[in-house]
Protein backbone atom coordinates (compact mmCIF):
# COMPACT_ATOMS: atom_id res chain seq x y z
CA MET A 1 107.23 103.14 100.36
CA ARG A 2 107.71 99.49 101.07
CA GLY A 3 107.51 97.13 103.98
CA TYR A 4 107.09 98.57 107.44
CA ALA A 5 106.88 102.15 106.17
CA ALA A 6 103.92 101.32 103.94
CA ALA A 7 102.15 99.48 106.76
CA LEU A 8 102.72 102.32 109.20
CA ALA A 9 101.50 104.94 106.74
CA ALA A 10 98.44 102.85 105.92
CA ALA A 11 97.66 102.46 109.61
CA ALA A 12 98.00 106.18 110.14
CA LEU A 13 95.54 106.88 107.35
CA THR A 14 92.92 104.75 109.06
CA ILE A 15 93.24 106.29 112.54
CA ALA A 16 90.87 109.14 111.81
CA GLY A 17 88.01 109.09 109.39
CA PRO A 18 85.97 111.75 107.64
CA ALA A 19 83.08 111.48 110.17
CA THR A 20 83.58 115.04 111.39
CA ALA A 21 85.69 116.87 108.87
CA GLN A 22 88.31 119.14 110.38
CA VAL A 23 90.30 121.63 108.36
CA PRO A 24 94.02 120.90 108.76
CA SER A 25 96.23 123.60 110.24
CA SER A 26 99.78 124.36 109.11
CA ALA A 27 100.99 122.55 112.26
CA ASP A 28 98.96 119.48 111.19
CA TYR A 29 100.68 119.48 107.80
CA SER A 30 104.08 119.96 109.41
CA ASP A 31 103.62 117.10 111.88
CA ALA A 32 102.26 114.84 109.14
CA ARG A 33 105.31 115.57 106.99
CA CYS A 34 107.64 114.82 109.90
CA PHE A 35 105.75 111.59 110.63
CA LEU A 36 106.28 110.63 106.99
CA VAL A 37 109.98 111.57 107.09
CA PHE A 38 110.67 109.28 110.03
CA THR A 39 108.52 106.53 108.52
CA ILE A 40 110.20 106.69 105.10
CA LEU A 41 113.76 107.25 106.32
CA PRO A 42 114.32 103.73 107.72
CA GLU A 43 113.69 102.36 104.22
CA ARG A 44 116.55 104.46 102.85
CA LEU A 45 120.29 104.01 103.14
CA VAL A 46 122.21 106.05 105.70
CA ASP A 47 125.80 106.69 104.64
CA GLY A 48 125.37 103.99 102.00
CA LYS A 49 124.28 101.34 104.50
CA PRO A 50 120.90 100.09 105.69
CA VAL A 51 119.81 101.58 108.99
CA SER A 52 120.57 99.54 112.10
CA GLN A 53 117.84 98.13 114.32
CA GLU A 54 118.74 100.79 116.90
CA GLN A 55 118.42 103.58 114.32
CA ARG A 56 115.12 102.12 113.09
CA ALA A 57 113.76 101.98 116.65
CA ALA A 58 114.76 105.61 117.24
CA MET A 59 113.11 106.70 113.98
CA ASP A 60 109.95 104.74 114.84
CA SER A 61 109.81 106.54 118.19
CA VAL A 62 110.17 109.94 116.58
CA ALA A 63 107.54 109.07 113.95
CA SER A 64 105.19 108.08 116.77
CA TYR A 65 105.93 111.38 118.52
CA PHE A 66 104.84 113.39 115.48
CA LEU A 67 101.76 111.23 114.91
CA GLY A 68 100.85 111.64 118.59
CA ARG A 69 101.19 115.42 118.36
CA LEU A 70 98.95 115.43 115.32
CA ALA A 71 96.33 113.17 116.90
CA ALA A 72 96.32 115.15 120.16
CA ARG A 73 95.95 118.51 118.42
CA SER A 74 93.41 117.41 115.84
CA PRO A 75 91.67 114.21 116.98
CA SER A 76 88.94 114.35 114.34
CA LEU A 77 91.25 115.15 111.44
CA ASP A 78 91.05 112.83 108.45
CA LEU A 79 94.75 112.03 108.06
CA GLY A 80 94.18 111.47 104.37
CA THR A 81 93.93 115.25 104.01
CA VAL A 82 97.47 115.81 105.32
CA MET A 83 99.02 112.64 103.87
CA THR A 84 97.91 112.75 100.27
CA PRO A 85 99.85 110.87 97.59
CA ALA A 86 101.24 114.22 96.40
CA ILE A 87 102.49 115.11 99.88
CA ILE A 88 104.01 111.65 100.35
CA ARG A 89 105.80 111.92 96.99
CA ASP A 90 107.02 115.42 97.90
CA VAL A 91 108.44 114.16 101.20
CA GLN A 92 110.11 111.23 99.43
CA GLY A 93 111.58 113.51 96.75
CA ASN A 94 112.83 116.13 99.21
CA LEU A 95 113.77 113.90 102.12
CA PRO A 96 117.02 115.66 103.15
CA ALA A 97 115.38 119.10 103.36
CA GLN A 98 112.28 117.68 105.03
CA PHE A 99 114.47 115.84 107.54
CA GLU A 100 116.36 119.01 108.44
CA SER A 101 113.16 120.93 109.13
CA CYS A 102 111.85 118.08 111.32
CA VAL A 103 115.06 117.66 113.30
CA ALA A 104 114.75 121.24 114.51
CA GLY A 105 111.39 120.27 116.00
CA THR A 106 112.85 117.32 117.89
CA ASP A 107 115.46 119.27 119.87
CA ALA A 108 113.05 119.98 122.74
CA LEU A 109 111.90 116.35 122.70
CA MET A 110 115.46 115.04 122.93
CA ALA A 111 116.28 117.47 125.73
CA ALA A 112 113.20 116.35 127.68
CA MET A 113 114.06 112.68 127.15
CA THR A 114 117.63 113.26 128.30
CA ARG A 115 116.44 115.18 131.35
CA SER A 116 113.89 112.50 132.28
CA GLY A 117 116.57 109.82 131.94
CA THR A 118 118.86 111.81 134.25
CA LEU A 119 116.06 112.26 136.79
CA MET A 120 115.31 108.55 136.72
CA GLU A 121 118.97 107.64 137.23
CA GLU A 122 119.25 110.08 140.13
CA ALA A 123 116.09 108.69 141.72
CA MET A 124 117.40 105.15 141.49
CA LYS A 125 120.62 106.16 143.30
CA ALA A 126 118.78 107.93 146.12
CA PRO A 127 118.44 105.97 149.39
């Protein structure tokens, strides 16, 4: 990982410390992997081209979503246990498959965002 992705991953690793060790759940590993996918992906080419600023912003938002889920579920988890170098390399090496599994988890999020946008627009039109 380079640039922004490396900084974001480093920041994530420092959010929680080993003060009160918590055993990671399978959901913790899954959310950590998805966080990594959407952190690594902006550094890759999409259809042979660098990602646009709009795409990068969307990916940053989704990465934050997964990190937030992880932090809310397991606030005392040492993120280093679910973002080991081996896991990061695995995500990098299997990015397309990892991406596909994470996208399925974002369907509900996208539906909620669309619905909230619609509700906001309707509220703004109301007298």
